[in-house]
Amino acid sequence: MAKYKITLGRETCIGAASCVACAEDFWKLVDDSKVDIIGGARENGNKIQTIVIEEKDFEKNLEAAKSCPVNAIHIKNLQTGKDEI
């Protein structure tokens, strides 16, 4: 079963929250009017957030990434190394 790494660039995020609408169990709008990955690791002073997901959660997170108007969300297949978005 494939695993995927989601990366959120919080500096790029404008808080549109379309990702929250697509996958509310993975994304939340927070006090600074940007989104966070629920349970995600924070890097570089919280400018970047990451999480590894299972294949069962891929489609809804792919929809979330595609819905982002500023392309702040990226997904990589950890098995193949392919960038999905």
PDB file of N, CA and C in Angstrom:
ATOM      1  N   MET A   1       0.837  -1.180   0.000  1.00  0.00           N
ATOM      2  CA  MET A   1       0.000   0.000   0.000  1.00  0.00           C
ATOM      3  C   MET A   1       0.886   1.250   0.000  1.00  0.00           C
ATOM      4  N   ALA A   2       0.604   2.160  -0.893  1.00  0.00           N
ATOM      5  CA  ALA A   2       1.420   3.366  -1.040  1.00  0.00           C
ATOM      6  C   ALA A   2       1.208   4.327   0.123  1.00  0.00           C
ATOM      7  N   LYS A   3       2.247   5.089   0.399  1.00  0.00           N
ATOM      8  CA  LYS A   3       2.169   6.184   1.365  1.00  0.00           C
ATOM      9  C   LYS A   3       2.534   7.461   0.630  1.00  0.00           C
ATOM     10  N   TYR A   4       1.987   8.550   1.115  1.00  0.00           N
ATOM     11  CA  TYR A   4       2.171   9.840   0.477  1.00  0.00           C
ATOM     12  C   TYR A   4       2.581  10.872   1.517  1.00  0.00           C
ATOM     13  N   LYS A   5       3.448  11.787   1.120  1.00  0.00           N
ATOM     14  CA  LYS A   5       3.849  12.881   1.995  1.00  0.00           C
ATOM     15  C   LYS A   5       3.182  14.156   1.494  1.00  0.00           C
ATOM     16  N   ILE A   6       2.426  14.780   2.394  1.00  0.00           N
ATOM     17  CA  ILE A   6       1.798  16.065   2.091  1.00  0.00           C
ATOM     18  C   ILE A   6       2.676  17.152   2.684  1.00  0.00           C
ATOM     19  N   THR A   7       2.929  18.186   1.902  1.00  0.00           N
ATOM     20  CA  THR A   7       3.687  19.345   2.364  1.00  0.00           C
ATOM     21  C   THR A   7       2.845  20.593   2.155  1.00  0.00           C
ATOM     22  N   LEU A   8       2.710  21.373   3.221  1.00  0.00           N
ATOM     23  CA  LEU A   8       1.987  22.636   3.175  1.00  0.00           C
ATOM     24  C   LEU A   8       2.976  23.779   3.347  1.00  0.00           C
ATOM     25  N   GLY A   9       2.991  24.691   2.410  1.00  0.00           N
ATOM     26  CA  GLY A   9       3.790  25.913   2.533  1.00  0.00           C
ATOM     27  C   GLY A   9       2.914  26.993   3.150  1.00  0.00           C
ATOM     28  N   ARG A  10       3.042  27.195   4.451  1.00  0.00           N
ATOM     29  CA  ARG A  10       2.158  28.137   5.146  1.00  0.00           C
ATOM     30  C   ARG A  10       2.372  29.578   4.712  1.00  0.00           C
ATOM     31  N   GLU A  11       3.551  29.938   4.278  1.00  0.00           N
ATOM     32  CA  GLU A  11       3.777  31.312   3.815  1.00  0.00           C
ATOM     33  C   GLU A  11       2.985  31.596   2.540  1.00  0.00           C
ATOM     34  N   THR A  12       2.737  30.571   1.753  1.00  0.00           N
ATOM     35  CA  THR A  12       1.968  30.714   0.521  1.00  0.00           C
ATOM     36  C   THR A  12       0.462  30.724   0.798  1.00  0.00           C
ATOM     37  N   CYS A  13       0.048  30.033   1.836  1.00  0.00           N
ATOM     38  CA  CYS A  13      -1.373  29.886   2.186  1.00  0.00           C
ATOM     39  C   CYS A  13      -2.030  31.255   2.382  1.00  0.00           C
ATOM     40  N   ILE A  14      -3.237  31.406   1.810  1.00  0.00           N
ATOM     41  CA  ILE A  14      -4.002  32.645   1.987  1.00  0.00           C
ATOM     42  C   ILE A  14      -5.259  32.416   2.829  1.00  0.00           C
ATOM     43  N   GLY A  15      -5.430  31.208   3.349  1.00  0.00           N
ATOM     44  CA  GLY A  15      -6.564  30.922   4.221  1.00  0.00           C
ATOM     45  C   GLY A  15      -7.887  30.770   3.501  1.00  0.00           C
ATOM     46  N   ALA A  16      -7.871  30.390   2.244  1.00  0.00           N
ATOM     47  CA  ALA A  16      -9.115  30.187   1.498  1.00  0.00           C
ATOM     48  C   ALA A  16      -9.931  29.040   2.087  1.00  0.00           C
ATOM     49  N   ALA A  17      -9.269  28.094   2.722  1.00  0.00           N
ATOM     50  CA  ALA A  17      -9.887  26.958   3.424  1.00  0.00           C
ATOM     51  C   ALA A  17     -10.630  25.994   2.501  1.00  0.00           C
ATOM     52  N   SER A  18     -10.330  26.009   1.223  1.00  0.00           N
ATOM     53  CA  SER A  18     -10.940  25.026   0.333  1.00  0.00           C
ATOM     54  C   SER A  18     -10.478  23.615   0.688  1.00  0.00           C
ATOM     55  N   CYS A  19      -9.266  23.503   1.204  1.00  0.00           N
ATOM     56  CA  CYS A  19      -8.758  22.198   1.645  1.00  0.00           C
ATOM     57  C   CYS A  19      -9.574  21.673   2.826  1.00  0.00           C
ATOM     58  N   VAL A  20      -9.976  22.569   3.714  1.00  0.00           N
ATOM     59  CA  VAL A  20     -10.800  22.183   4.862  1.00  0.00           C
ATOM     60  C   VAL A  20     -12.132  21.623   4.372  1.00  0.00           C
ATOM     61  N   ALA A  21     -12.709  22.253   3.370  1.00  0.00           N
ATOM     62  CA  ALA A  21     -13.985  21.792   2.825  1.00  0.00           C
ATOM     63  C   ALA A  21     -13.861  20.408   2.195  1.00  0.00           C
ATOM     64  N   CYS A  22     -12.702  20.099   1.638  1.00  0.00           N
ATOM     65  CA  CYS A  22     -12.485  18.805   0.976  1.00  0.00           C
ATOM     66  C   CYS A  22     -12.128  17.679   1.947  1.00  0.00           C
ATOM     67  N   ALA A  23     -11.381  18.016   2.998  1.00  0.00           N
ATOM     68  CA  ALA A  23     -10.862  16.979   3.904  1.00  0.00           C
ATOM     69  C   ALA A  23     -10.739  17.542   5.314  1.00  0.00           C
ATOM     70  N   GLU A  24     -11.865  17.807   5.941  1.00  0.00           N
ATOM     71  CA  GLU A  24     -11.849  18.475   7.246  1.00  0.00           C
ATOM     72  C   GLU A  24     -11.199  17.655   8.358  1.00  0.00           C
ATOM     73  N   ASP A  25     -11.013  16.372   8.144  1.00  0.00           N
ATOM     74  CA  ASP A  25     -10.318  15.567   9.149  1.00  0.00           C
ATOM     75  C   ASP A  25      -8.791  15.698   9.041  1.00  0.00           C
ATOM     76  N   PHE A  26      -8.298  16.418   8.016  1.00  0.00           N
ATOM     77  CA  PHE A  26      -6.857  16.635   7.842  1.00  0.00           C
ATOM     78  C   PHE A  26      -6.451  18.101   7.903  1.00  0.00           C
ATOM     79  N   TRP A  27      -7.401  19.001   7.691  1.00  0.00           N
ATOM     80  CA  TRP A  27      -7.085  20.425   7.562  1.00  0.00           C
ATOM     81  C   TRP A  27      -7.967  21.249   8.483  1.00  0.00           C
ATOM     82  N   LYS A  28      -7.384  22.328   9.068  1.00  0.00           N
ATOM     83  CA  LYS A  28      -8.188  23.237   9.884  1.00  0.00           C
ATOM     84  C   LYS A  28      -7.683  24.664   9.710  1.00  0.00           C
ATOM     85  N   LEU A  29      -8.617  25.599   9.748  1.00  0.00           N
ATOM     86  CA  LEU A  29      -8.303  27.019   9.711  1.00  0.00           C
ATOM     87  C   LEU A  29      -7.975  27.440  11.133  1.00  0.00           C
ATOM     88  N   VAL A  30      -6.867  28.149  11.312  1.00  0.00           N
ATOM     89  CA  VAL A  30      -6.428  28.533  12.663  1.00  0.00           C
ATOM     90  C   VAL A  30      -6.441  30.050  12.829  1.00  0.00           C
ATOM     91  N   ASP A  31      -6.068  30.491  14.019  1.00  0.00           N
ATOM     92  CA  ASP A  31      -6.196  31.891  14.422  1.00  0.00           C
ATOM     93  C   ASP A  31      -5.489  32.896  13.519  1.00  0.00           C
ATOM     94  N   ASP A  32      -4.418  32.495  12.845  1.00  0.00           N
ATOM     95  CA  ASP A  32      -3.716  33.455  11.975  1.00  0.00           C
ATOM     96  C   ASP A  32      -4.305  33.501  10.555  1.00  0.00           C
ATOM     97  N   SER A  33      -5.500  32.931  10.406  1.00  0.00           N
ATOM     98  CA  SER A  33      -6.233  32.910   9.127  1.00  0.00           C
ATOM     99  C   SER A  33      -5.516  32.121   8.040  1.00  0.00           C
ATOM    100  N   LYS A  34      -4.755  31.131   8.459  1.00  0.00           N
ATOM    101  CA  LYS A  34      -4.131  30.182   7.545  1.00  0.00           C
ATOM    102  C   LYS A  34      -4.548  28.793   7.991  1.00  0.00           C
ATOM    103  N   VAL A  35      -4.268  27.789   7.172  1.00  0.00           N
ATOM    104  CA  VAL A  35      -4.618  26.427   7.556  1.00  0.00           C
ATOM    105  C   VAL A  35      -3.424  25.709   8.161  1.00  0.00           C
ATOM    106  N   ASP A  36      -3.730  24.700   8.949  1.00  0.00           N
ATOM    107  CA  ASP A  36      -2.748  23.769   9.493  1.00  0.00           C
ATOM    108  C   ASP A  36      -3.135  22.365   9.062  1.00  0.00           C
ATOM    109  N   ILE A  37      -2.136  21.498   8.943  1.00  0.00           N
ATOM    110  CA  ILE A  37      -2.389  20.078   8.775  1.00  0.00           C
ATOM    111  C   ILE A  37      -2.604  19.513  10.182  1.00  0.00           C
ATOM    112  N   ILE A  38      -3.737  18.916  10.417  1.00  0.00           N
ATOM    113  CA  ILE A  38      -4.026  18.341  11.729  1.00  0.00           C
ATOM    114  C   ILE A  38      -3.034  17.205  11.994  1.00  0.00           C
ATOM    115  N   GLY A  39      -2.264  17.327  13.064  1.00  0.00           N
ATOM    116  CA  GLY A  39      -1.280  16.317  13.420  1.00  0.00           C
ATOM    117  C   GLY A  39       0.004  16.380  12.606  1.00  0.00           C
ATOM    118  N   GLY A  40       0.157  17.417  11.809  1.00  0.00           N
ATOM    119  CA  GLY A  40       1.340  17.537  10.963  1.00  0.00           C
ATOM    120  C   GLY A  40       2.565  18.009  11.732  1.00  0.00           C
ATOM    121  N   ALA A  41       3.733  17.664  11.213  1.00  0.00           N
ATOM    122  CA  ALA A  41       4.999  18.126  11.782  1.00  0.00           C
ATOM    123  C   ALA A  41       5.265  19.536  11.291  1.00  0.00           C
ATOM    124  N   ARG A  42       5.818  20.350  12.166  1.00  0.00           N
ATOM    125  CA  ARG A  42       6.127  21.737  11.826  1.00  0.00           C
ATOM    126  C   ARG A  42       7.632  21.903  11.658  1.00  0.00           C
ATOM    127  N   GLU A  43       8.017  22.559  10.568  1.00  0.00           N
ATOM    128  CA  GLU A  43       9.428  22.756  10.251  1.00  0.00           C
ATOM    129  C   GLU A  43       9.691  24.222   9.932  1.00  0.00           C
ATOM    130  N   ASN A  44      10.933  24.626  10.069  1.00  0.00           N
ATOM    131  CA  ASN A  44      11.376  25.957   9.661  1.00  0.00           C
ATOM    132  C   ASN A  44      10.504  27.066  10.262  1.00  0.00           C
ATOM    133  N   GLY A  45      10.341  27.014  11.589  1.00  0.00           N
ATOM    134  CA  GLY A  45       9.541  28.034  12.262  1.00  0.00           C
ATOM    135  C   GLY A  45       8.076  27.989  11.876  1.00  0.00           C
ATOM    136  N   ASN A  46       7.558  26.808  11.568  1.00  0.00           N
ATOM    137  CA  ASN A  46       6.179  26.563  11.157  1.00  0.00           C
ATOM    138  C   ASN A  46       5.851  27.142   9.779  1.00  0.00           C
ATOM    139  N   LYS A  47       6.874  27.407   8.976  1.00  0.00           N
ATOM    140  CA  LYS A  47       6.634  27.861   7.609  1.00  0.00           C
ATOM    141  C   LYS A  47       6.230  26.698   6.712  1.00  0.00           C
ATOM    142  N   ILE A  48       6.625  25.500   7.127  1.00  0.00           N
ATOM    143  CA  ILE A  48       6.335  24.275   6.379  1.00  0.00           C
ATOM    144  C   ILE A  48       5.706  23.277   7.345  1.00  0.00           C
ATOM    145  N   GLN A  49       4.664  22.588   6.885  1.00  0.00           N
ATOM    146  CA  GLN A  49       4.081  21.499   7.664  1.00  0.00           C
ATOM    147  C   GLN A  49       4.017  20.272   6.770  1.00  0.00           C
ATOM    148  N   THR A  50       4.249  19.106   7.373  1.00  0.00           N
ATOM    149  CA  THR A  50       4.226  17.851   6.612  1.00  0.00           C
ATOM    150  C   THR A  50       3.488  16.781   7.392  1.00  0.00           C
ATOM    151  N   ILE A  51       2.976  15.818   6.649  1.00  0.00           N
ATOM    152  CA  ILE A  51       2.378  14.627   7.242  1.00  0.00           C
ATOM    153  C   ILE A  51       2.464  13.507   6.207  1.00  0.00           C
ATOM    154  N   VAL A  52       2.592  12.282   6.674  1.00  0.00           N
ATOM    155  CA  VAL A  52       2.562  11.115   5.799  1.00  0.00           C
ATOM    156  C   VAL A  52       1.191  10.472   5.956  1.00  0.00           C
ATOM    157  N   ILE A  53       0.548  10.197   4.828  1.00  0.00           N
ATOM    158  CA  ILE A  53      -0.784   9.601   4.839  1.00  0.00           C
ATOM    159  C   ILE A  53      -0.777   8.251   4.138  1.00  0.00           C
ATOM    160  N   GLU A  54      -1.792   7.481   4.427  1.00  0.00           N
ATOM    161  CA  GLU A  54      -1.998   6.185   3.780  1.00  0.00           C
ATOM    162  C   GLU A  54      -2.748   6.384   2.460  1.00  0.00           C
ATOM    163  N   GLU A  55      -2.708   5.374   1.640  1.00  0.00           N
ATOM    164  CA  GLU A  55      -3.368   5.420   0.335  1.00  0.00           C
ATOM    165  C   GLU A  55      -4.869   5.695   0.454  1.00  0.00           C
ATOM    166  N   LYS A  56      -5.502   5.200   1.505  1.00  0.00           N
ATOM    167  CA  LYS A  56      -6.942   5.391   1.688  1.00  0.00           C
ATOM    168  C   LYS A  56      -7.321   6.864   1.838  1.00  0.00           C
ATOM    169  N   ASP A  57      -6.386   7.697   2.253  1.00  0.00           N
ATOM    170  CA  ASP A  57      -6.646   9.124   2.440  1.00  0.00           C
ATOM    171  C   ASP A  57      -6.138   9.987   1.291  1.00  0.00           C
ATOM    172  N   PHE A  58      -5.604   9.347   0.261  1.00  0.00           N
ATOM    173  CA  PHE A  58      -4.987  10.079  -0.835  1.00  0.00           C
ATOM    174  C   PHE A  58      -5.982  10.912  -1.644  1.00  0.00           C
ATOM    175  N   GLU A  59      -7.068  10.324  -2.080  1.00  0.00           N
ATOM    176  CA  GLU A  59      -7.987  11.009  -3.002  1.00  0.00           C
ATOM    177  C   GLU A  59      -8.552  12.295  -2.411  1.00  0.00           C
ATOM    178  N   LYS A  60      -9.013  12.253  -1.154  1.00  0.00           N
ATOM    179  CA  LYS A  60      -9.591  13.472  -0.578  1.00  0.00           C
ATOM    180  C   LYS A  60      -8.523  14.545  -0.366  1.00  0.00           C
ATOM    181  N   ASN A  61      -7.293  14.135  -0.066  1.00  0.00           N
ATOM    182  CA  ASN A  61      -6.221  15.119   0.079  1.00  0.00           C
ATOM    183  C   ASN A  61      -5.721  15.622  -1.271  1.00  0.00           C
ATOM    184  N   LEU A  62      -5.802  14.796  -2.296  1.00  0.00           N
ATOM    185  CA  LEU A  62      -5.486  15.252  -3.648  1.00  0.00           C
ATOM    186  C   LEU A  62      -6.507  16.310  -4.073  1.00  0.00           C
ATOM    187  N   GLU A  63      -7.765  16.068  -3.772  1.00  0.00           N
ATOM    188  CA  GLU A  63      -8.816  17.056  -4.056  1.00  0.00           C
ATOM    189  C   GLU A  63      -8.548  18.353  -3.286  1.00  0.00           C
ATOM    190  N   ALA A  64      -8.136  18.220  -2.029  1.00  0.00           N
ATOM    191  CA  ALA A  64      -7.816  19.399  -1.216  1.00  0.00           C
ATOM    192  C   ALA A  64      -6.667  20.186  -1.839  1.00  0.00           C
ATOM    193  N   ALA A  65      -5.632  19.489  -2.269  1.00  0.00           N
ATOM    194  CA  ALA A  65      -4.478  20.152  -2.883  1.00  0.00           C
ATOM    195  C   ALA A  65      -4.863  20.831  -4.191  1.00  0.00           C
ATOM    196  N   LYS A  66      -5.644  20.169  -5.009  1.00  0.00           N
ATOM    197  CA  LYS A  66      -6.064  20.743  -6.288  1.00  0.00           C
ATOM    198  C   LYS A  66      -6.977  21.951  -6.095  1.00  0.00           C
ATOM    199  N   SER A  67      -7.697  21.989  -4.976  1.00  0.00           N
ATOM    200  CA  SER A  67      -8.626  23.093  -4.736  1.00  0.00           C
ATOM    201  C   SER A  67      -7.929  24.345  -4.212  1.00  0.00           C
ATOM    202  N   CYS A  68      -6.674  24.216  -3.780  1.00  0.00           N
ATOM    203  CA  CYS A  68      -5.944  25.357  -3.217  1.00  0.00           C
ATOM    204  C   CYS A  68      -5.678  26.388  -4.315  1.00  0.00           C
ATOM    205  N   PRO A  69      -6.179  27.616  -4.153  1.00  0.00           N
ATOM    206  CA  PRO A  69      -6.014  28.608  -5.212  1.00  0.00           C
ATOM    207  C   PRO A  69      -4.582  29.128  -5.390  1.00  0.00           C
ATOM    208  N   VAL A  70      -3.709  28.860  -4.414  1.00  0.00           N
ATOM    209  CA  VAL A  70      -2.328  29.352  -4.512  1.00  0.00           C
ATOM    210  C   VAL A  70      -1.295  28.217  -4.530  1.00  0.00           C
ATOM    211  N   ASN A  71      -1.755  26.985  -4.710  1.00  0.00           N
ATOM    212  CA  ASN A  71      -0.873  25.813  -4.808  1.00  0.00           C
ATOM    213  C   ASN A  71       0.073  25.687  -3.623  1.00  0.00           C
ATOM    214  N   ALA A  72      -0.459  25.854  -2.423  1.00  0.00           N
ATOM    215  CA  ALA A  72       0.361  25.761  -1.214  1.00  0.00           C
ATOM    216  C   ALA A  72       0.535  24.320  -0.734  1.00  0.00           C
ATOM    217  N   ILE A  73      -0.216  23.385  -1.322  1.00  0.00           N
ATOM    218  CA  ILE A  73      -0.208  21.994  -0.882  1.00  0.00           C
ATOM    219  C   ILE A  73       0.412  21.124  -1.976  1.00  0.00           C
ATOM    220  N   HIS A  74       1.380  20.304  -1.576  1.00  0.00           N
ATOM    221  CA  HIS A  74       2.038  19.393  -2.509  1.00  0.00           C
ATOM    222  C   HIS A  74       1.994  17.982  -1.936  1.00  0.00           C
ATOM    223  N   ILE A  75       1.859  16.999  -2.826  1.00  0.00           N
ATOM    224  CA  ILE A  75       1.782  15.601  -2.405  1.00  0.00           C
ATOM    225  C   ILE A  75       2.776  14.785  -3.219  1.00  0.00           C
ATOM    226  N   LYS A  76       3.566  13.966  -2.510  1.00  0.00           N
ATOM    227  CA  LYS A  76       4.554  13.104  -3.160  1.00  0.00           C
ATOM    228  C   LYS A  76       4.274  11.649  -2.784  1.00  0.00           C
ATOM    229  N   ASN A  77       4.313  10.774  -3.772  1.00  0.00           N
ATOM    230  CA  ASN A  77       4.209   9.333  -3.552  1.00  0.00           C
ATOM    231  C   ASN A  77       5.559   8.869  -3.020  1.00  0.00           C
ATOM    232  N   LEU A  78       5.589   8.374  -1.802  1.00  0.00           N
ATOM    233  CA  LEU A  78       6.867   7.981  -1.188  1.00  0.00           C
ATOM    234  C   LEU A  78       7.425   6.685  -1.768  1.00  0.00           C
ATOM    235  N   GLN A  79       6.582   5.871  -2.374  1.00  0.00           N
ATOM    236  CA  GLN A  79       7.040   4.627  -2.974  1.00  0.00           C
ATOM    237  C   GLN A  79       7.737   4.881  -4.298  1.00  0.00           C
ATOM    238  N   THR A  80       7.156   5.740  -5.119  1.00  0.00           N
ATOM    239  CA  THR A  80       7.704   5.987  -6.462  1.00  0.00           C
ATOM    240  C   THR A  80       8.560   7.256  -6.538  1.00  0.00           C
ATOM    241  N   GLY A  81       8.379   8.155  -5.554  1.00  0.00           N
ATOM    242  CA  GLY A  81       9.068   9.431  -5.583  1.00  0.00           C
ATOM    243  C   GLY A  81       8.410  10.459  -6.487  1.00  0.00           C
ATOM    244  N   LYS A  82       7.279  10.079  -7.086  1.00  0.00           N
ATOM    245  CA  LYS A  82       6.565  10.946  -8.031  1.00  0.00           C
ATOM    246  C   LYS A  82       5.791  12.030  -7.288  1.00  0.00           C
ATOM    247  N   ASP A  83       5.896  13.263  -7.781  1.00  0.00           N
ATOM    248  CA  ASP A  83       5.069  14.347  -7.274  1.00  0.00           C
ATOM    249  C   ASP A  83       3.678  14.193  -7.876  1.00  0.00           C
ATOM    250  N   GLU A  84       2.687  14.058  -7.020  1.00  0.00           N
ATOM    251  CA  GLU A  84       1.313  13.900  -7.494  1.00  0.00           C
ATOM    252  C   GLU A  84       0.688  15.251  -7.795  1.00  0.00           C
ATOM    253  N   ILE A  85       1.136  16.252  -7.083  1.00  0.00           N
ATOM    254  CA  ILE A  85       0.688  17.624  -7.331  1.00  0.00           C
ATOM    255  C   ILE A  85       1.692  18.561  -6.678  1.00  0.00           C
TER     256      ILE A  85
END
